[in-house]
Amino acid sequence: MSEDIRPARRAGRRGPEVRCRTARAPGPPHEAPPPLTVPDTGAVGELEVEVAMVRGESAVVVVTGEIDLRTADTLCARLVEARGEGPRRLVVDFAAVEFCDAAGLGALVAARNRIMVSGGEISLARVRPAQLRLLRITGLDRLFAVHPDVAAALAEHDSSTTSR
C-alpha cells in the first residue's frame, strides 16, 4: 500500500529546464589546460601574533595575516598567552589582518572569555571596514571596545586606570 504521492503540477507551468552543452570544435580531441600554478610565497594565509609593546597594565598585540578556520586556534592561544605574561589589558591591532571569517570571530570571543576569567580585557584597534561590518552585524561591536587607532585604545585604558 505504499503509493508514491506527488503534488499535481499546475497546467501550463513547466519545470525548469537544465541543459548542459559541451560544444567542441571539429578537430583533434580537446586537451585539458595545464594546471594553474601559484607561486609559493610562504606568507599567504599565515598568521602572526606578536606583543609589540607593553605599557603599564596594557599590551599592544599586533595581528598580521588571515584569521580563518586554520589559524583561529593560534590566535586564541596567543592572546591568552599574552595575557598570561602579565598585562591585564590587551589592545589587539587589526590593521594588518587581511581576512577574518566566522572562525576568527569565534576565536576572539573564546580568547575574551578566557581572559575575562582572570580579570583581563581585550579591545580592538584599527579594524578594517569589512571586518568592522562583520563585528556590527554579529553584535560583537558591543562585546569589544573598538578604537580607530592604538593610541585611542591606550588612552581609554589609561583613563580607566586613573579613574579608579
N, C-alpha and C. Protein backbone atom coordinates (compact mmCIF):
# COMPACT_ATOMS: atom_id res chain seq x y z
N MET A 1 0.81 -1.19 0.00
CA MET A 1 0.00 0.00 0.00
C MET A 1 0.85 1.25 0.00
N SER A 2 2.02 1.12 -0.45
CA SER A 2 2.85 2.32 -0.48
C SER A 2 2.75 2.96 -1.85
N GLU A 3 1.96 3.99 -1.89
CA GLU A 3 1.81 4.73 -3.14
C GLU A 3 2.69 5.95 -3.09
N ASP A 4 3.23 6.26 -4.21
CA ASP A 4 4.06 7.46 -4.31
C ASP A 4 3.13 8.64 -4.59
N ILE A 5 2.95 9.48 -3.59
CA ILE A 5 2.03 10.61 -3.75
C ILE A 5 2.84 11.85 -4.07
N ARG A 6 2.55 12.43 -5.17
CA ARG A 6 3.23 13.66 -5.59
C ARG A 6 2.19 14.73 -5.85
N PRO A 7 2.51 15.95 -5.51
CA PRO A 7 1.55 17.01 -5.78
C PRO A 7 1.36 17.17 -7.29
N ALA A 8 0.15 17.46 -7.66
CA ALA A 8 -0.15 17.64 -9.09
C ALA A 8 0.49 18.93 -9.57
N ARG A 9 0.98 18.90 -10.78
CA ARG A 9 1.57 20.10 -11.37
C ARG A 9 0.47 20.96 -11.95
N ARG A 10 0.67 22.22 -11.86
CA ARG A 10 -0.30 23.14 -12.46
C ARG A 10 -0.22 23.04 -13.98
N ALA A 11 -1.38 23.10 -14.57
CA ALA A 11 -1.42 23.06 -16.03
C ALA A 11 -0.79 24.33 -16.58
N GLY A 12 -0.02 24.19 -17.61
CA GLY A 12 0.55 25.37 -18.25
C GLY A 12 1.90 25.80 -17.68
N ARG A 13 2.29 25.24 -16.57
CA ARG A 13 3.59 25.61 -15.99
C ARG A 13 4.57 24.47 -16.23
N ARG A 14 5.70 24.83 -16.70
CA ARG A 14 6.72 23.83 -16.95
C ARG A 14 7.82 23.97 -15.92
N GLY A 15 8.41 22.87 -15.58
CA GLY A 15 9.54 22.89 -14.65
C GLY A 15 10.75 23.49 -15.32
N PRO A 16 11.73 23.85 -14.55
CA PRO A 16 12.93 24.45 -15.14
C PRO A 16 13.67 23.43 -15.98
N GLU A 17 14.17 23.91 -17.08
CA GLU A 17 14.95 23.04 -17.94
C GLU A 17 16.42 23.27 -17.67
N VAL A 18 17.14 22.22 -17.53
CA VAL A 18 18.57 22.32 -17.32
C VAL A 18 19.23 21.60 -18.48
N ARG A 19 20.03 22.33 -19.16
CA ARG A 19 20.74 21.73 -20.29
C ARG A 19 22.22 21.99 -20.14
N CYS A 20 22.96 21.02 -20.44
CA CYS A 20 24.41 21.15 -20.39
C CYS A 20 24.93 20.87 -21.80
N ARG A 21 25.51 21.86 -22.37
CA ARG A 21 26.03 21.68 -23.72
C ARG A 21 27.54 21.81 -23.69
N THR A 22 28.16 20.89 -24.27
CA THR A 22 29.62 20.97 -24.40
C THR A 22 29.93 20.89 -25.88
N ALA A 23 30.00 22.02 -26.47
CA ALA A 23 30.28 22.07 -27.90
C ALA A 23 31.78 22.01 -28.11
N ARG A 24 32.15 21.18 -29.03
CA ARG A 24 33.56 21.07 -29.38
C ARG A 24 33.73 21.46 -30.83
N ALA A 25 34.82 22.10 -31.05
CA ALA A 25 35.15 22.43 -32.43
C ALA A 25 35.64 21.16 -33.10
N PRO A 26 35.32 20.98 -34.35
CA PRO A 26 35.81 19.79 -35.02
C PRO A 26 37.34 19.80 -35.05
N GLY A 27 37.89 18.67 -34.96
CA GLY A 27 39.35 18.59 -34.99
C GLY A 27 39.85 17.59 -33.97
N PRO A 28 41.09 17.78 -33.55
CA PRO A 28 41.69 16.83 -32.61
C PRO A 28 40.99 16.90 -31.24
N PRO A 29 41.12 15.84 -30.46
CA PRO A 29 40.48 15.84 -29.13
C PRO A 29 40.96 17.01 -28.29
N HIS A 30 40.05 17.49 -27.47
CA HIS A 30 40.32 18.65 -26.62
C HIS A 30 41.27 18.26 -25.49
N GLU A 31 42.31 19.05 -25.29
CA GLU A 31 43.26 18.80 -24.21
C GLU A 31 42.92 19.68 -23.02
N ALA A 32 43.09 19.14 -21.84
CA ALA A 32 42.85 19.93 -20.64
C ALA A 32 43.94 20.98 -20.52
N PRO A 33 43.57 22.17 -20.02
CA PRO A 33 44.59 23.21 -19.86
C PRO A 33 45.59 22.78 -18.78
N PRO A 34 46.80 23.30 -18.85
CA PRO A 34 47.78 22.94 -17.83
C PRO A 34 47.30 23.45 -16.46
N PRO A 35 47.69 22.78 -15.38
CA PRO A 35 47.24 23.21 -14.05
C PRO A 35 47.77 24.60 -13.72
N LEU A 36 46.95 25.34 -13.01
CA LEU A 36 47.32 26.69 -12.60
C LEU A 36 48.33 26.58 -11.47
N THR A 37 49.44 27.27 -11.63
CA THR A 37 50.44 27.25 -10.57
C THR A 37 50.50 28.63 -9.93
N VAL A 38 50.50 28.63 -8.63
CA VAL A 38 50.59 29.87 -7.87
C VAL A 38 51.92 29.86 -7.16
N PRO A 39 52.68 30.95 -7.29
CA PRO A 39 53.97 30.95 -6.61
C PRO A 39 53.79 30.85 -5.10
N ASP A 40 54.63 30.06 -4.47
CA ASP A 40 54.55 29.87 -3.03
C ASP A 40 55.40 30.93 -2.35
N THR A 41 54.72 31.92 -1.77
CA THR A 41 55.44 32.99 -1.07
C THR A 41 55.67 32.64 0.38
N GLY A 42 54.94 31.64 0.89
CA GLY A 42 55.10 31.25 2.28
C GLY A 42 54.30 32.12 3.23
N ALA A 43 53.87 33.30 2.80
CA ALA A 43 53.18 34.22 3.70
C ALA A 43 51.67 34.18 3.51
N VAL A 44 51.20 33.64 2.41
CA VAL A 44 49.78 33.64 2.15
C VAL A 44 49.06 32.76 3.16
N GLY A 45 48.09 33.32 3.82
CA GLY A 45 47.29 32.56 4.75
C GLY A 45 47.94 32.33 6.10
N GLU A 46 49.12 32.87 6.32
CA GLU A 46 49.81 32.69 7.59
C GLU A 46 49.30 33.72 8.59
N LEU A 47 49.50 33.45 9.85
CA LEU A 47 49.08 34.35 10.91
C LEU A 47 50.23 34.57 11.87
N GLU A 48 50.48 35.84 12.18
CA GLU A 48 51.49 36.19 13.16
C GLU A 48 50.81 36.99 14.25
N VAL A 49 51.09 36.65 15.50
CA VAL A 49 50.55 37.35 16.65
C VAL A 49 51.74 37.70 17.53
N GLU A 50 51.98 39.01 17.70
CA GLU A 50 53.18 39.45 18.39
C GLU A 50 52.86 40.58 19.37
N VAL A 51 53.39 40.48 20.58
CA VAL A 51 53.26 41.58 21.54
C VAL A 51 54.27 42.63 21.12
N ALA A 52 53.76 43.79 20.67
CA ALA A 52 54.62 44.84 20.14
C ALA A 52 55.08 45.80 21.22
N MET A 53 54.24 46.00 22.25
CA MET A 53 54.57 46.99 23.27
C MET A 53 53.80 46.69 24.54
N VAL A 54 54.43 46.92 25.67
CA VAL A 54 53.77 46.81 26.96
C VAL A 54 53.92 48.15 27.65
N ARG A 55 52.79 48.69 28.08
CA ARG A 55 52.81 49.98 28.79
C ARG A 55 51.91 49.86 30.01
N GLY A 56 52.52 49.79 31.17
CA GLY A 56 51.74 49.64 32.40
C GLY A 56 51.02 48.30 32.40
N GLU A 57 49.69 48.37 32.58
CA GLU A 57 48.87 47.16 32.58
C GLU A 57 48.34 46.81 31.20
N SER A 58 48.79 47.51 30.16
CA SER A 58 48.29 47.30 28.80
C SER A 58 49.40 46.77 27.90
N ALA A 59 49.00 45.91 26.98
CA ALA A 59 49.92 45.41 25.96
C ALA A 59 49.25 45.56 24.60
N VAL A 60 50.03 45.97 23.62
CA VAL A 60 49.55 46.05 22.24
C VAL A 60 49.98 44.77 21.54
N VAL A 61 49.00 44.04 21.01
CA VAL A 61 49.25 42.79 20.32
C VAL A 61 48.94 43.02 18.84
N VAL A 62 49.94 42.89 18.00
CA VAL A 62 49.78 43.10 16.56
C VAL A 62 49.49 41.76 15.90
N VAL A 63 48.38 41.72 15.16
CA VAL A 63 47.99 40.51 14.43
C VAL A 63 48.20 40.78 12.94
N THR A 64 48.89 39.88 12.27
CA THR A 64 49.19 40.03 10.85
C THR A 64 48.79 38.75 10.12
N GLY A 65 48.06 38.92 9.01
CA GLY A 65 47.72 37.78 8.16
C GLY A 65 46.23 37.52 8.10
N GLU A 66 45.88 36.26 7.95
CA GLU A 66 44.49 35.86 7.79
C GLU A 66 44.04 35.05 8.99
N ILE A 67 42.83 35.37 9.47
CA ILE A 67 42.26 34.61 10.58
C ILE A 67 41.10 33.81 10.02
N ASP A 68 41.28 32.51 9.94
CA ASP A 68 40.25 31.63 9.41
C ASP A 68 40.24 30.34 10.22
N LEU A 69 39.55 29.35 9.74
CA LEU A 69 39.41 28.10 10.46
C LEU A 69 40.77 27.48 10.79
N ARG A 70 41.72 27.65 9.89
CA ARG A 70 43.04 27.05 10.06
C ARG A 70 43.89 27.78 11.10
N THR A 71 43.68 29.10 11.26
CA THR A 71 44.55 29.89 12.14
C THR A 71 43.85 30.42 13.39
N ALA A 72 42.54 30.19 13.51
CA ALA A 72 41.78 30.76 14.63
C ALA A 72 42.28 30.27 15.98
N ASP A 73 42.59 28.98 16.09
CA ASP A 73 43.07 28.45 17.37
C ASP A 73 44.40 29.10 17.78
N THR A 74 45.23 29.38 16.80
CA THR A 74 46.51 30.04 17.08
C THR A 74 46.26 31.42 17.65
N LEU A 75 45.33 32.16 17.06
CA LEU A 75 45.01 33.50 17.55
C LEU A 75 44.55 33.44 19.01
N CYS A 76 43.61 32.56 19.29
CA CYS A 76 43.08 32.44 20.65
C CYS A 76 44.20 32.10 21.64
N ALA A 77 44.99 31.10 21.31
CA ALA A 77 46.07 30.66 22.20
C ALA A 77 47.08 31.77 22.45
N ARG A 78 47.46 32.50 21.40
CA ARG A 78 48.47 33.55 21.55
C ARG A 78 47.94 34.73 22.36
N LEU A 79 46.66 35.07 22.21
CA LEU A 79 46.08 36.15 23.01
C LEU A 79 46.03 35.76 24.49
N VAL A 80 45.62 34.54 24.76
CA VAL A 80 45.57 34.07 26.14
C VAL A 80 46.98 34.02 26.72
N GLU A 81 47.93 33.60 25.92
CA GLU A 81 49.33 33.55 26.34
C GLU A 81 49.85 34.95 26.65
N ALA A 82 49.51 35.93 25.81
CA ALA A 82 49.93 37.31 26.03
C ALA A 82 49.38 37.85 27.34
N ARG A 83 48.15 37.50 27.66
CA ARG A 83 47.54 37.92 28.93
C ARG A 83 48.25 37.24 30.10
N GLY A 84 48.63 36.01 29.92
CA GLY A 84 49.31 35.26 30.98
C GLY A 84 50.68 35.82 31.30
N GLU A 85 51.26 36.57 30.38
CA GLU A 85 52.58 37.14 30.59
C GLU A 85 52.54 38.38 31.47
N GLY A 86 51.36 38.82 31.87
CA GLY A 86 51.31 39.93 32.81
C GLY A 86 50.30 41.03 32.54
N PRO A 87 50.27 41.62 31.37
CA PRO A 87 49.37 42.76 31.17
C PRO A 87 47.91 42.36 31.31
N ARG A 88 47.17 43.20 32.03
CA ARG A 88 45.76 42.91 32.27
C ARG A 88 44.91 43.23 31.04
N ARG A 89 45.28 44.28 30.34
CA ARG A 89 44.50 44.71 29.17
C ARG A 89 45.29 44.46 27.88
N LEU A 90 44.60 43.92 26.88
CA LEU A 90 45.22 43.71 25.58
C LEU A 90 44.53 44.60 24.55
N VAL A 91 45.32 45.34 23.80
CA VAL A 91 44.82 46.09 22.65
C VAL A 91 45.27 45.29 21.43
N VAL A 92 44.32 44.73 20.70
CA VAL A 92 44.65 43.91 19.54
C VAL A 92 44.59 44.79 18.30
N ASP A 93 45.74 45.00 17.68
CA ASP A 93 45.86 45.85 16.49
C ASP A 93 45.56 45.01 15.25
N PHE A 94 44.45 45.33 14.59
CA PHE A 94 43.96 44.56 13.45
C PHE A 94 44.35 45.17 12.09
N ALA A 95 45.19 46.18 12.08
CA ALA A 95 45.50 46.89 10.82
C ALA A 95 46.05 45.96 9.75
N ALA A 96 46.81 44.95 10.13
CA ALA A 96 47.44 44.06 9.16
C ALA A 96 46.69 42.74 8.98
N VAL A 97 45.45 42.68 9.47
CA VAL A 97 44.65 41.47 9.28
C VAL A 97 43.97 41.59 7.91
N GLU A 98 44.35 40.72 7.01
CA GLU A 98 43.85 40.75 5.64
C GLU A 98 42.46 40.17 5.52
N PHE A 99 42.15 39.19 6.38
CA PHE A 99 40.89 38.46 6.28
C PHE A 99 40.53 37.90 7.64
N CYS A 100 39.25 37.96 7.99
CA CYS A 100 38.79 37.37 9.24
C CYS A 100 37.39 36.82 9.00
N ASP A 101 37.19 35.52 9.20
CA ASP A 101 35.87 34.93 8.98
C ASP A 101 35.22 34.60 10.32
N ALA A 102 34.14 33.84 10.28
CA ALA A 102 33.40 33.50 11.49
C ALA A 102 34.26 32.74 12.49
N ALA A 103 35.15 31.91 12.01
CA ALA A 103 36.05 31.18 12.92
C ALA A 103 36.95 32.16 13.66
N GLY A 104 37.38 33.19 12.98
CA GLY A 104 38.21 34.22 13.62
C GLY A 104 37.44 34.98 14.67
N LEU A 105 36.20 35.31 14.36
CA LEU A 105 35.36 35.99 15.35
C LEU A 105 35.14 35.09 16.57
N GLY A 106 34.92 33.82 16.32
CA GLY A 106 34.75 32.87 17.41
C GLY A 106 36.00 32.77 18.27
N ALA A 107 37.17 32.84 17.64
CA ALA A 107 38.43 32.79 18.38
C ALA A 107 38.59 34.03 19.26
N LEU A 108 38.18 35.18 18.74
CA LEU A 108 38.24 36.40 19.55
C LEU A 108 37.34 36.30 20.78
N VAL A 109 36.14 35.78 20.58
CA VAL A 109 35.20 35.63 21.70
C VAL A 109 35.74 34.61 22.71
N ALA A 110 36.29 33.51 22.22
CA ALA A 110 36.85 32.50 23.12
C ALA A 110 38.01 33.07 23.92
N ALA A 111 38.89 33.83 23.26
CA ALA A 111 40.01 34.45 23.96
C ALA A 111 39.51 35.45 25.00
N ARG A 112 38.52 36.24 24.63
CA ARG A 112 37.95 37.22 25.55
C ARG A 112 37.39 36.52 26.79
N ASN A 113 36.64 35.44 26.57
CA ASN A 113 36.04 34.73 27.69
C ASN A 113 37.10 34.16 28.63
N ARG A 114 38.15 33.59 28.06
CA ARG A 114 39.22 33.02 28.88
C ARG A 114 40.00 34.09 29.61
N ILE A 115 40.20 35.24 28.96
CA ILE A 115 40.96 36.33 29.58
C ILE A 115 40.14 37.01 30.67
N MET A 116 38.85 37.13 30.47
CA MET A 116 37.99 37.78 31.48
C MET A 116 37.94 36.98 32.78
N VAL A 117 38.07 35.67 32.70
CA VAL A 117 38.06 34.83 33.90
C VAL A 117 39.16 35.25 34.86
N SER A 118 40.30 35.67 34.31
CA SER A 118 41.43 36.08 35.15
C SER A 118 41.47 37.60 35.35
N GLY A 119 40.36 38.28 35.06
CA GLY A 119 40.29 39.73 35.30
C GLY A 119 40.86 40.58 34.18
N GLY A 120 41.09 40.01 33.02
CA GLY A 120 41.64 40.76 31.91
C GLY A 120 40.57 41.26 30.96
N GLU A 121 40.99 42.03 29.97
CA GLU A 121 40.06 42.52 28.96
C GLU A 121 40.78 42.70 27.63
N ILE A 122 39.99 42.69 26.56
CA ILE A 122 40.51 42.86 25.21
C ILE A 122 39.76 44.00 24.54
N SER A 123 40.50 44.85 23.83
CA SER A 123 39.87 45.83 22.95
C SER A 123 40.54 45.72 21.59
N LEU A 124 39.87 46.19 20.57
CA LEU A 124 40.36 46.09 19.20
C LEU A 124 40.69 47.48 18.67
N ALA A 125 41.72 47.58 17.87
CA ALA A 125 42.11 48.85 17.28
C ALA A 125 42.39 48.67 15.79
N ARG A 126 42.16 49.72 15.04
CA ARG A 126 42.43 49.79 13.60
C ARG A 126 41.80 48.63 12.82
N VAL A 127 40.56 48.35 13.11
CA VAL A 127 39.83 47.28 12.42
C VAL A 127 39.42 47.79 11.05
N ARG A 128 39.67 47.01 10.02
CA ARG A 128 39.31 47.39 8.65
C ARG A 128 37.79 47.45 8.49
N PRO A 129 37.31 48.25 7.53
CA PRO A 129 35.86 48.44 7.36
C PRO A 129 35.07 47.14 7.16
N ALA A 130 35.57 46.22 6.37
CA ALA A 130 34.84 44.97 6.13
C ALA A 130 34.73 44.15 7.42
N GLN A 131 35.80 44.14 8.20
CA GLN A 131 35.77 43.39 9.45
C GLN A 131 34.92 44.11 10.50
N LEU A 132 34.94 45.44 10.47
CA LEU A 132 34.10 46.21 11.37
C LEU A 132 32.63 45.95 11.07
N ARG A 133 32.32 45.82 9.80
CA ARG A 133 30.95 45.49 9.40
C ARG A 133 30.53 44.14 9.97
N LEU A 134 31.42 43.14 9.91
CA LEU A 134 31.13 41.83 10.50
C LEU A 134 30.89 41.94 12.00
N LEU A 135 31.71 42.74 12.66
CA LEU A 135 31.52 42.93 14.10
C LEU A 135 30.16 43.54 14.40
N ARG A 136 29.76 44.49 13.57
CA ARG A 136 28.45 45.14 13.79
C ARG A 136 27.30 44.20 13.48
N ILE A 137 27.41 43.45 12.40
CA ILE A 137 26.34 42.51 12.02
C ILE A 137 26.14 41.46 13.10
N THR A 138 27.23 40.97 13.65
CA THR A 138 27.14 39.90 14.66
C THR A 138 26.90 40.43 16.06
N GLY A 139 26.96 41.74 16.24
CA GLY A 139 26.76 42.34 17.56
C GLY A 139 28.00 42.31 18.43
N LEU A 140 29.11 41.86 17.88
CA LEU A 140 30.34 41.78 18.66
C LEU A 140 30.96 43.15 18.93
N ASP A 141 30.50 44.17 18.21
CA ASP A 141 30.99 45.52 18.49
C ASP A 141 30.52 46.00 19.87
N ARG A 142 29.50 45.33 20.42
CA ARG A 142 29.05 45.65 21.78
C ARG A 142 29.84 44.85 22.83
N LEU A 143 30.49 43.79 22.40
CA LEU A 143 31.26 42.95 23.30
C LEU A 143 32.70 43.46 23.43
N PHE A 144 33.24 43.99 22.33
CA PHE A 144 34.60 44.50 22.30
C PHE A 144 34.57 46.01 22.11
N ALA A 145 35.41 46.71 22.85
CA ALA A 145 35.61 48.13 22.58
C ALA A 145 36.43 48.21 21.29
N VAL A 146 35.94 48.98 20.32
CA VAL A 146 36.63 49.11 19.04
C VAL A 146 37.11 50.55 18.90
N HIS A 147 38.41 50.73 18.65
CA HIS A 147 39.02 52.05 18.59
C HIS A 147 39.60 52.31 17.21
N PRO A 148 39.62 53.59 16.80
CA PRO A 148 40.16 53.91 15.47
C PRO A 148 41.66 53.69 15.37
N ASP A 149 42.37 53.80 16.50
CA ASP A 149 43.81 53.57 16.49
C ASP A 149 44.28 53.08 17.85
N VAL A 150 45.51 52.66 17.90
CA VAL A 150 46.09 52.10 19.12
C VAL A 150 46.18 53.16 20.21
N ALA A 151 46.56 54.39 19.84
CA ALA A 151 46.69 55.47 20.83
C ALA A 151 45.37 55.72 21.56
N ALA A 152 44.26 55.71 20.83
CA ALA A 152 42.95 55.92 21.45
C ALA A 152 42.62 54.78 22.41
N ALA A 153 42.96 53.57 22.04
CA ALA A 153 42.70 52.42 22.92
C ALA A 153 43.52 52.52 24.19
N LEU A 154 44.80 52.87 24.04
CA LEU A 154 45.67 53.00 25.22
C LEU A 154 45.21 54.17 26.10
N ALA A 155 44.77 55.26 25.48
CA ALA A 155 44.29 56.42 26.24
C ALA A 155 43.06 56.03 27.06
N GLU A 156 42.17 55.23 26.47
CA GLU A 156 40.99 54.79 27.21
C GLU A 156 41.40 53.89 28.37
N HIS A 157 42.37 53.02 28.13
CA HIS A 157 42.86 52.16 29.21
C HIS A 157 43.48 52.98 30.32
N ASP A 158 44.28 54.00 29.93
CA ASP A 158 44.93 54.86 30.92
C ASP A 158 43.89 55.62 31.74
N SER A 159 42.86 56.13 31.07
CA SER A 159 41.83 56.91 31.79
C SER A 159 41.00 56.01 32.71
N SER A 160 40.79 54.76 32.33
CA SER A 160 40.03 53.87 33.21
C SER A 160 40.86 53.47 34.43
N THR A 161 42.19 53.47 34.28
CA THR A 161 43.06 53.15 35.41
C THR A 161 43.11 54.30 36.41
N THR A 162 43.18 55.55 35.90
CA THR A 162 43.28 56.71 36.79
C THR A 162 41.94 57.04 37.45
N SER A 163 40.83 56.58 36.87
CA SER A 163 39.53 56.90 37.45
C SER A 163 39.16 55.95 38.59
N ARG A 164 40.01 54.99 38.88
CA ARG A 164 39.71 54.03 39.95
C ARG A 164 40.10 54.56 41.29
